[in-house]
Amino acid sequence: MDFLITAGAFKKAGAEAYRAEEDRVVDELRAEGVLSAAYRRTDGAGVFGIAHGTDLASVKAELARLPFVAHGFMEFEFVEVVPL
């Protein structure tokens, strides 16, 4: 299943301390095929991307590995999508 994932701006201060770890986990998720696209808005108002998994629960579990998610800086919204 494929999901459009979106998250708004950080919910609290302090996320930058986790930036290097966040980038590392994003790279891992890409290499594992969980993320095929991940973008940060240039105005700093959030992120969006495309995630893949067997179901919504598995995608949520994989993305929970991200430090920004694990430490409560961001929360994703999920919309299941299909190719045209």
PDB file of N, CA and C in Angstrom:
ATOM      1  N   MET A   1       0.838  -1.173   0.000  1.00  0.00           N
ATOM      2  CA  MET A   1       0.000   0.000   0.000  1.00  0.00           C
ATOM      3  C   MET A   1       0.884   1.238   0.000  1.00  0.00           C
ATOM      4  N   ASP A   2       0.406   2.285  -0.648  1.00  0.00           N
ATOM      5  CA  ASP A   2       1.134   3.546  -0.736  1.00  0.00           C
ATOM      6  C   ASP A   2       0.364   4.626   0.014  1.00  0.00           C
ATOM      7  N   PHE A   3       1.119   5.512   0.674  1.00  0.00           N
ATOM      8  CA  PHE A   3       0.510   6.576   1.462  1.00  0.00           C
ATOM      9  C   PHE A   3       1.194   7.908   1.212  1.00  0.00           C
ATOM     10  N   LEU A   4       0.391   8.944   1.016  1.00  0.00           N
ATOM     11  CA  LEU A   4       0.893  10.308   1.054  1.00  0.00           C
ATOM     12  C   LEU A   4       1.001  10.649   2.530  1.00  0.00           C
ATOM     13  N   ILE A   5       2.180  11.093   2.954  1.00  0.00           N
ATOM     14  CA  ILE A   5       2.378  11.459   4.351  1.00  0.00           C
ATOM     15  C   ILE A   5       2.669  12.954   4.427  1.00  0.00           C
ATOM     16  N   THR A   6       2.039  13.615   5.370  1.00  0.00           N
ATOM     17  CA  THR A   6       2.265  15.051   5.569  1.00  0.00           C
ATOM     18  C   THR A   6       2.387  15.325   7.058  1.00  0.00           C
ATOM     19  N   ALA A   7       3.160  16.352   7.372  1.00  0.00           N
ATOM     20  CA  ALA A   7       3.283  16.814   8.752  1.00  0.00           C
ATOM     21  C   ALA A   7       3.514  18.315   8.709  1.00  0.00           C
ATOM     22  N   GLY A   8       2.940  19.015   9.664  1.00  0.00           N
ATOM     23  CA  GLY A   8       3.108  20.455   9.747  1.00  0.00           C
ATOM     24  C   GLY A   8       4.417  20.816  10.410  1.00  0.00           C
ATOM     25  N   ALA A   9       4.543  22.069  10.762  1.00  0.00           N
ATOM     26  CA  ALA A   9       5.738  22.576  11.420  1.00  0.00           C
ATOM     27  C   ALA A   9       5.945  21.851  12.750  1.00  0.00           C
ATOM     28  N   PHE A  10       7.157  21.939  13.276  1.00  0.00           N
ATOM     29  CA  PHE A  10       7.470  21.279  14.544  1.00  0.00           C
ATOM     30  C   PHE A  10       6.502  21.713  15.636  1.00  0.00           C
ATOM     31  N   LYS A  11       6.119  20.761  16.486  1.00  0.00           N
ATOM     32  CA  LYS A  11       5.172  21.010  17.565  1.00  0.00           C
ATOM     33  C   LYS A  11       5.825  21.663  18.777  1.00  0.00           C
ATOM     34  N   LYS A  12       7.167  21.584  18.854  1.00  0.00           N
ATOM     35  CA  LYS A  12       7.891  22.163  19.980  1.00  0.00           C
ATOM     36  C   LYS A  12       9.333  22.421  19.562  1.00  0.00           C
ATOM     37  N   ALA A  13      10.039  23.170  20.356  1.00  0.00           N
ATOM     38  CA  ALA A  13      11.434  23.514  20.066  1.00  0.00           C
ATOM     39  C   ALA A  13      12.360  22.353  20.428  1.00  0.00           C
ATOM     40  N   GLY A  14      13.545  22.350  19.832  1.00  0.00           N
ATOM     41  CA  GLY A  14      14.570  21.386  20.188  1.00  0.00           C
ATOM     42  C   GLY A  14      14.843  20.310  19.164  1.00  0.00           C
ATOM     43  N   ALA A  15      14.138  20.324  18.064  1.00  0.00           N
ATOM     44  CA  ALA A  15      14.286  19.262  17.068  1.00  0.00           C
ATOM     45  C   ALA A  15      15.668  19.260  16.415  1.00  0.00           C
ATOM     46  N   GLU A  16      16.279  20.399  16.277  1.00  0.00           N
ATOM     47  CA  GLU A  16      17.567  20.469  15.569  1.00  0.00           C
ATOM     48  C   GLU A  16      18.633  19.591  16.211  1.00  0.00           C
ATOM     49  N   ALA A  17      18.515  19.315  17.485  1.00  0.00           N
ATOM     50  CA  ALA A  17      19.478  18.439  18.158  1.00  0.00           C
ATOM     51  C   ALA A  17      19.424  17.017  17.593  1.00  0.00           C
ATOM     52  N   TYR A  18      18.335  16.672  16.926  1.00  0.00           N
ATOM     53  CA  TYR A  18      18.145  15.335  16.374  1.00  0.00           C
ATOM     54  C   TYR A  18      18.298  15.293  14.857  1.00  0.00           C
ATOM     55  N   ARG A  19      18.703  16.399  14.237  1.00  0.00           N
ATOM     56  CA  ARG A  19      18.748  16.495  12.766  1.00  0.00           C
ATOM     57  C   ARG A  19      19.621  15.408  12.131  1.00  0.00           C
ATOM     58  N   ALA A  20      20.834  15.205  12.612  1.00  0.00           N
ATOM     59  CA  ALA A  20      21.739  14.221  11.999  1.00  0.00           C
ATOM     60  C   ALA A  20      21.156  12.812  12.100  1.00  0.00           C
ATOM     61  N   GLU A  21      20.588  12.477  13.251  1.00  0.00           N
ATOM     62  CA  GLU A  21      19.973  11.164  13.426  1.00  0.00           C
ATOM     63  C   GLU A  21      18.740  11.025  12.529  1.00  0.00           C
ATOM     64  N   GLU A  22      17.954  12.089  12.414  1.00  0.00           N
ATOM     65  CA  GLU A  22      16.771  12.084  11.548  1.00  0.00           C
ATOM     66  C   GLU A  22      17.181  11.812  10.104  1.00  0.00           C
ATOM     67  N   ASP A  23      18.212  12.514   9.620  1.00  0.00           N
ATOM     68  CA  ASP A  23      18.680  12.317   8.247  1.00  0.00           C
ATOM     69  C   ASP A  23      19.163  10.887   8.030  1.00  0.00           C
ATOM     70  N   ARG A  24      19.833  10.317   9.022  1.00  0.00           N
ATOM     71  CA  ARG A  24      20.326   8.943   8.922  1.00  0.00           C
ATOM     72  C   ARG A  24      19.154   7.959   8.800  1.00  0.00           C
ATOM     73  N   VAL A  25      18.120   8.132   9.623  1.00  0.00           N
ATOM     74  CA  VAL A  25      16.973   7.221   9.584  1.00  0.00           C
ATOM     75  C   VAL A  25      16.180   7.402   8.288  1.00  0.00           C
ATOM     76  N   VAL A  26      16.058   8.625   7.795  1.00  0.00           N
ATOM     77  CA  VAL A  26      15.400   8.844   6.499  1.00  0.00           C
ATOM     78  C   VAL A  26      16.144   8.067   5.415  1.00  0.00           C
ATOM     79  N   ASP A  27      17.469   8.127   5.427  1.00  0.00           N
ATOM     80  CA  ASP A  27      18.255   7.374   4.445  1.00  0.00           C
ATOM     81  C   ASP A  27      18.012   5.873   4.575  1.00  0.00           C
ATOM     82  N   GLU A  28      17.924   5.370   5.816  1.00  0.00           N
ATOM     83  CA  GLU A  28      17.644   3.949   6.036  1.00  0.00           C
ATOM     84  C   GLU A  28      16.273   3.575   5.479  1.00  0.00           C
ATOM     85  N   LEU A  29      15.272   4.402   5.758  1.00  0.00           N
ATOM     86  CA  LEU A  29      13.918   4.116   5.288  1.00  0.00           C
ATOM     87  C   LEU A  29      13.850   4.127   3.760  1.00  0.00           C
ATOM     88  N   ARG A  30      14.608   5.010   3.133  1.00  0.00           N
ATOM     89  CA  ARG A  30      14.678   5.014   1.666  1.00  0.00           C
ATOM     90  C   ARG A  30      15.309   3.724   1.169  1.00  0.00           C
ATOM     91  N   ALA A  31      16.438   3.342   1.770  1.00  0.00           N
ATOM     92  CA  ALA A  31      17.154   2.131   1.352  1.00  0.00           C
ATOM     93  C   ALA A  31      16.288   0.881   1.538  1.00  0.00           C
ATOM     94  N   GLU A  32      15.432   0.874   2.550  1.00  0.00           N
ATOM     95  CA  GLU A  32      14.560  -0.261   2.834  1.00  0.00           C
ATOM     96  C   GLU A  32      13.286  -0.256   1.987  1.00  0.00           C
ATOM     97  N   GLY A  33      13.064   0.811   1.216  1.00  0.00           N
ATOM     98  CA  GLY A  33      11.887   0.898   0.371  1.00  0.00           C
ATOM     99  C   GLY A  33      10.640   1.410   1.071  1.00  0.00           C
ATOM    100  N   VAL A  34      10.789   1.882   2.286  1.00  0.00           N
ATOM    101  CA  VAL A  34       9.639   2.421   3.022  1.00  0.00           C
ATOM    102  C   VAL A  34       9.301   3.817   2.517  1.00  0.00           C
ATOM    103  N   LEU A  35      10.310   4.627   2.243  1.00  0.00           N
ATOM    104  CA  LEU A  35      10.116   5.977   1.696  1.00  0.00           C
ATOM    105  C   LEU A  35      10.639   6.019   0.270  1.00  0.00           C
ATOM    106  N   SER A  36       9.821   6.492  -0.644  1.00  0.00           N
ATOM    107  CA  SER A  36      10.322   6.703  -2.001  1.00  0.00           C
ATOM    108  C   SER A  36      10.458   8.186  -2.293  1.00  0.00           C
ATOM    109  N   ALA A  37       9.871   9.010  -1.447  1.00  0.00           N
ATOM    110  CA  ALA A  37       9.982  10.458  -1.606  1.00  0.00           C
ATOM    111  C   ALA A  37       9.834  11.099  -0.235  1.00  0.00           C
ATOM    112  N   ALA A  38      10.658  12.096   0.020  1.00  0.00           N
ATOM    113  CA  ALA A  38      10.564  12.847   1.270  1.00  0.00           C
ATOM    114  C   ALA A  38      11.038  14.265   0.978  1.00  0.00           C
ATOM    115  N   TYR A  39      10.202  15.232   1.305  1.00  0.00           N
ATOM    116  CA  TYR A  39      10.501  16.632   1.015  1.00  0.00           C
ATOM    117  C   TYR A  39      10.236  17.506   2.224  1.00  0.00           C
ATOM    118  N   ARG A  40      11.068  18.523   2.383  1.00  0.00           N
ATOM    119  CA  ARG A  40      10.896  19.540   3.416  1.00  0.00           C
ATOM    120  C   ARG A  40      10.483  20.826   2.718  1.00  0.00           C
ATOM    121  N   ARG A  41       9.446  21.460   3.224  1.00  0.00           N
ATOM    122  CA  ARG A  41       9.014  22.737   2.639  1.00  0.00           C
ATOM    123  C   ARG A  41      10.079  23.802   2.882  1.00  0.00           C
ATOM    124  N   THR A  42      10.340  24.632   1.889  1.00  0.00           N
ATOM    125  CA  THR A  42      11.369  25.660   2.028  1.00  0.00           C
ATOM    126  C   THR A  42      10.976  26.738   3.024  1.00  0.00           C
ATOM    127  N   ASP A  43       9.677  26.889   3.291  1.00  0.00           N
ATOM    128  CA  ASP A  43       9.247  27.894   4.268  1.00  0.00           C
ATOM    129  C   ASP A  43       9.255  27.349   5.698  1.00  0.00           C
ATOM    130  N   GLY A  44       9.690  26.087   5.870  1.00  0.00           N
ATOM    131  CA  GLY A  44       9.780  25.495   7.197  1.00  0.00           C
ATOM    132  C   GLY A  44       8.451  25.060   7.785  1.00  0.00           C
ATOM    133  N   ALA A  45       7.395  25.076   6.988  1.00  0.00           N
ATOM    134  CA  ALA A  45       6.052  24.795   7.500  1.00  0.00           C
ATOM    135  C   ALA A  45       5.685  23.321   7.470  1.00  0.00           C
ATOM    136  N   GLY A  46       6.646  22.429   7.253  1.00  0.00           N
ATOM    137  CA  GLY A  46       6.327  21.016   7.316  1.00  0.00           C
ATOM    138  C   GLY A  46       7.063  20.173   6.290  1.00  0.00           C
ATOM    139  N   VAL A  47       6.643  18.909   6.219  1.00  0.00           N
ATOM    140  CA  VAL A  47       7.243  17.932   5.313  1.00  0.00           C
ATOM    141  C   VAL A  47       6.135  17.119   4.657  1.00  0.00           C
ATOM    142  N   PHE A  48       6.481  16.458   3.541  1.00  0.00           N
ATOM    143  CA  PHE A  48       5.555  15.521   2.914  1.00  0.00           C
ATOM    144  C   PHE A  48       6.355  14.489   2.146  1.00  0.00           C
ATOM    145  N   GLY A  49       5.714  13.382   1.832  1.00  0.00           N
ATOM    146  CA  GLY A  49       6.395  12.335   1.096  1.00  0.00           C
ATOM    147  C   GLY A  49       5.461  11.200   0.743  1.00  0.00           C
ATOM    148  N   ILE A  50       6.065  10.135   0.229  1.00  0.00           N
ATOM    149  CA  ILE A  50       5.339   8.920  -0.121  1.00  0.00           C
ATOM    150  C   ILE A  50       5.979   7.760   0.643  1.00  0.00           C
ATOM    151  N   ALA A  51       5.139   7.006   1.353  1.00  0.00           N
ATOM    152  CA  ALA A  51       5.602   5.857   2.127  1.00  0.00           C
ATOM    153  C   ALA A  51       4.892   4.604   1.632  1.00  0.00           C
ATOM    154  N   HIS A  52       5.553   3.460   1.820  1.00  0.00           N
ATOM    155  CA  HIS A  52       5.039   2.182   1.324  1.00  0.00           C
ATOM    156  C   HIS A  52       5.105   1.136   2.433  1.00  0.00           C
ATOM    157  N   GLY A  53       4.101   0.254   2.455  1.00  0.00           N
ATOM    158  CA  GLY A  53       4.096  -0.845   3.408  1.00  0.00           C
ATOM    159  C   GLY A  53       2.953  -1.791   3.141  1.00  0.00           C
ATOM    160  N   THR A  54       2.875  -2.841   3.937  1.00  0.00           N
ATOM    161  CA  THR A  54       1.820  -3.836   3.748  1.00  0.00           C
ATOM    162  C   THR A  54       0.472  -3.312   4.205  1.00  0.00           C
ATOM    163  N   ASP A  55       0.478  -2.382   5.156  1.00  0.00           N
ATOM    164  CA  ASP A  55      -0.749  -1.760   5.646  1.00  0.00           C
ATOM    165  C   ASP A  55      -0.383  -0.484   6.396  1.00  0.00           C
ATOM    166  N   LEU A  56      -1.391   0.267   6.823  1.00  0.00           N
ATOM    167  CA  LEU A  56      -1.153   1.537   7.503  1.00  0.00           C
ATOM    168  C   LEU A  56      -0.389   1.337   8.805  1.00  0.00           C
ATOM    169  N   ALA A  57      -0.714   0.307   9.551  1.00  0.00           N
ATOM    170  CA  ALA A  57      -0.035   0.062  10.831  1.00  0.00           C
ATOM    171  C   ALA A  57       1.459  -0.158  10.639  1.00  0.00           C
ATOM    172  N   SER A  58       1.832  -0.891   9.595  1.00  0.00           N
ATOM    173  CA  SER A  58       3.259  -1.145   9.359  1.00  0.00           C
ATOM    174  C   SER A  58       3.989   0.130   8.952  1.00  0.00           C
ATOM    175  N   VAL A  59       3.340   0.966   8.155  1.00  0.00           N
ATOM    176  CA  VAL A  59       3.954   2.237   7.756  1.00  0.00           C
ATOM    177  C   VAL A  59       4.129   3.144   8.977  1.00  0.00           C
ATOM    178  N   LYS A  60       3.098   3.231   9.809  1.00  0.00           N
ATOM    179  CA  LYS A  60       3.205   4.039  11.028  1.00  0.00           C
ATOM    180  C   LYS A  60       4.335   3.535  11.915  1.00  0.00           C
ATOM    181  N   ALA A  61       4.469   2.230  12.054  1.00  0.00           N
ATOM    182  CA  ALA A  61       5.532   1.658  12.888  1.00  0.00           C
ATOM    183  C   ALA A  61       6.909   1.999  12.334  1.00  0.00           C
ATOM    184  N   GLU A  62       7.076   1.916  11.029  1.00  0.00           N
ATOM    185  CA  GLU A  62       8.369   2.248  10.424  1.00  0.00           C
ATOM    186  C   GLU A  62       8.704   3.726  10.604  1.00  0.00           C
ATOM    187  N   LEU A  63       7.729   4.598  10.381  1.00  0.00           N
ATOM    188  CA  LEU A  63       7.986   6.034  10.498  1.00  0.00           C
ATOM    189  C   LEU A  63       8.175   6.465  11.951  1.00  0.00           C
ATOM    190  N   ALA A  64       7.705   5.667  12.882  1.00  0.00           N
ATOM    191  CA  ALA A  64       7.916   5.959  14.306  1.00  0.00           C
ATOM    192  C   ALA A  64       9.387   5.857  14.687  1.00  0.00           C
ATOM    193  N   ARG A  65      10.203   5.245  13.818  1.00  0.00           N
ATOM    194  CA  ARG A  65      11.653   5.183  14.040  1.00  0.00           C
ATOM    195  C   ARG A  65      12.313   6.555  13.880  1.00  0.00           C
ATOM    196  N   LEU A  66      11.653   7.457  13.167  1.00  0.00           N
ATOM    197  CA  LEU A  66      12.224   8.789  12.944  1.00  0.00           C
ATOM    198  C   LEU A  66      12.312   9.531  14.278  1.00  0.00           C
ATOM    199  N   PRO A  67      13.470  10.088  14.610  1.00  0.00           N
ATOM    200  CA  PRO A  67      13.617  10.801  15.880  1.00  0.00           C
ATOM    201  C   PRO A  67      12.625  11.947  16.060  1.00  0.00           C
ATOM    202  N   PHE A  68      12.311  12.666  14.986  1.00  0.00           N
ATOM    203  CA  PHE A  68      11.359  13.775  15.125  1.00  0.00           C
ATOM    204  C   PHE A  68       9.976  13.267  15.526  1.00  0.00           C
ATOM    205  N   VAL A  69       9.621  12.074  15.077  1.00  0.00           N
ATOM    206  CA  VAL A  69       8.344  11.460  15.456  1.00  0.00           C
ATOM    207  C   VAL A  69       8.458  10.878  16.865  1.00  0.00           C
ATOM    208  N   ALA A  70       9.508  10.108  17.094  1.00  0.00           N
ATOM    209  CA  ALA A  70       9.690   9.430  18.383  1.00  0.00           C
ATOM    210  C   ALA A  70       9.747  10.398  19.558  1.00  0.00           C
ATOM    211  N   HIS A  71      10.292  11.582  19.324  1.00  0.00           N
ATOM    212  CA  HIS A  71      10.444  12.570  20.403  1.00  0.00           C
ATOM    213  C   HIS A  71       9.338  13.624  20.411  1.00  0.00           C
ATOM    214  N   GLY A  72       8.300  13.408  19.594  1.00  0.00           N
ATOM    215  CA  GLY A  72       7.125  14.269  19.637  1.00  0.00           C
ATOM    216  C   GLY A  72       7.247  15.626  18.962  1.00  0.00           C
ATOM    217  N   PHE A  73       8.193  15.769  18.038  1.00  0.00           N
ATOM    218  CA  PHE A  73       8.344  17.035  17.328  1.00  0.00           C
ATOM    219  C   PHE A  73       7.388  17.151  16.145  1.00  0.00           C
ATOM    220  N   MET A  74       7.003  15.988  15.564  1.00  0.00           N
ATOM    221  CA  MET A  74       6.074  16.011  14.448  1.00  0.00           C
ATOM    222  C   MET A  74       5.177  14.783  14.496  1.00  0.00           C
ATOM    223  N   GLU A  75       4.032  14.940  13.847  1.00  0.00           N
ATOM    224  CA  GLU A  75       3.069  13.842  13.750  1.00  0.00           C
ATOM    225  C   GLU A  75       2.549  13.814  12.321  1.00  0.00           C
ATOM    226  N   PHE A  76       2.608  12.650  11.705  1.00  0.00           N
ATOM    227  CA  PHE A  76       2.174  12.516  10.317  1.00  0.00           C
ATOM    228  C   PHE A  76       0.671  12.303  10.194  1.00  0.00           C
ATOM    229  N   GLU A  77       0.141  12.781   9.079  1.00  0.00           N
ATOM    230  CA  GLU A  77      -1.192  12.423   8.621  1.00  0.00           C
ATOM    231  C   GLU A  77      -0.984  11.529   7.415  1.00  0.00           C
ATOM    232  N   PHE A  78      -1.851  10.545   7.245  1.00  0.00           N
ATOM    233  CA  PHE A  78      -1.695   9.538   6.203  1.00  0.00           C
ATOM    234  C   PHE A  78      -2.926   9.493   5.310  1.00  0.00           C
ATOM    235  N   VAL A  79      -2.694   9.428   3.997  1.00  0.00           N
ATOM    236  CA  VAL A  79      -3.775   9.260   3.025  1.00  0.00           C
ATOM    237  C   VAL A  79      -3.336   8.158   2.078  1.00  0.00           C
ATOM    238  N   GLU A  80      -4.117   7.080   1.987  1.00  0.00           N
ATOM    239  CA  GLU A  80      -3.781   6.019   1.062  1.00  0.00           C
ATOM    240  C   GLU A  80      -3.982   6.521  -0.368  1.00  0.00           C
ATOM    241  N   VAL A  81      -3.012   6.239  -1.228  1.00  0.00           N
ATOM    242  CA  VAL A  81      -3.065   6.661  -2.619  1.00  0.00           C
ATOM    243  C   VAL A  81      -2.779   5.460  -3.525  1.00  0.00           C
ATOM    244  N   VAL A  82      -3.206   5.570  -4.782  1.00  0.00           N
ATOM    245  CA  VAL A  82      -2.927   4.541  -5.786  1.00  0.00           C
ATOM    246  C   VAL A  82      -2.387   5.231  -7.033  1.00  0.00           C
ATOM    247  N   PRO A  83      -1.542   4.531  -7.802  1.00  0.00           N
ATOM    248  CA  PRO A  83      -1.011   5.126  -9.025  1.00  0.00           C
ATOM    249  C   PRO A  83      -2.122   5.378 -10.045  1.00  0.00           C
ATOM    250  N   LEU A  84      -1.900   6.367 -10.885  1.00  0.00           N
ATOM    251  CA  LEU A  84      -2.842   6.640 -11.990  1.00  0.00           C
ATOM    252  C   LEU A  84      -2.557   5.718 -13.155  1.00  0.00           C
TER     253      LEU A  84
END
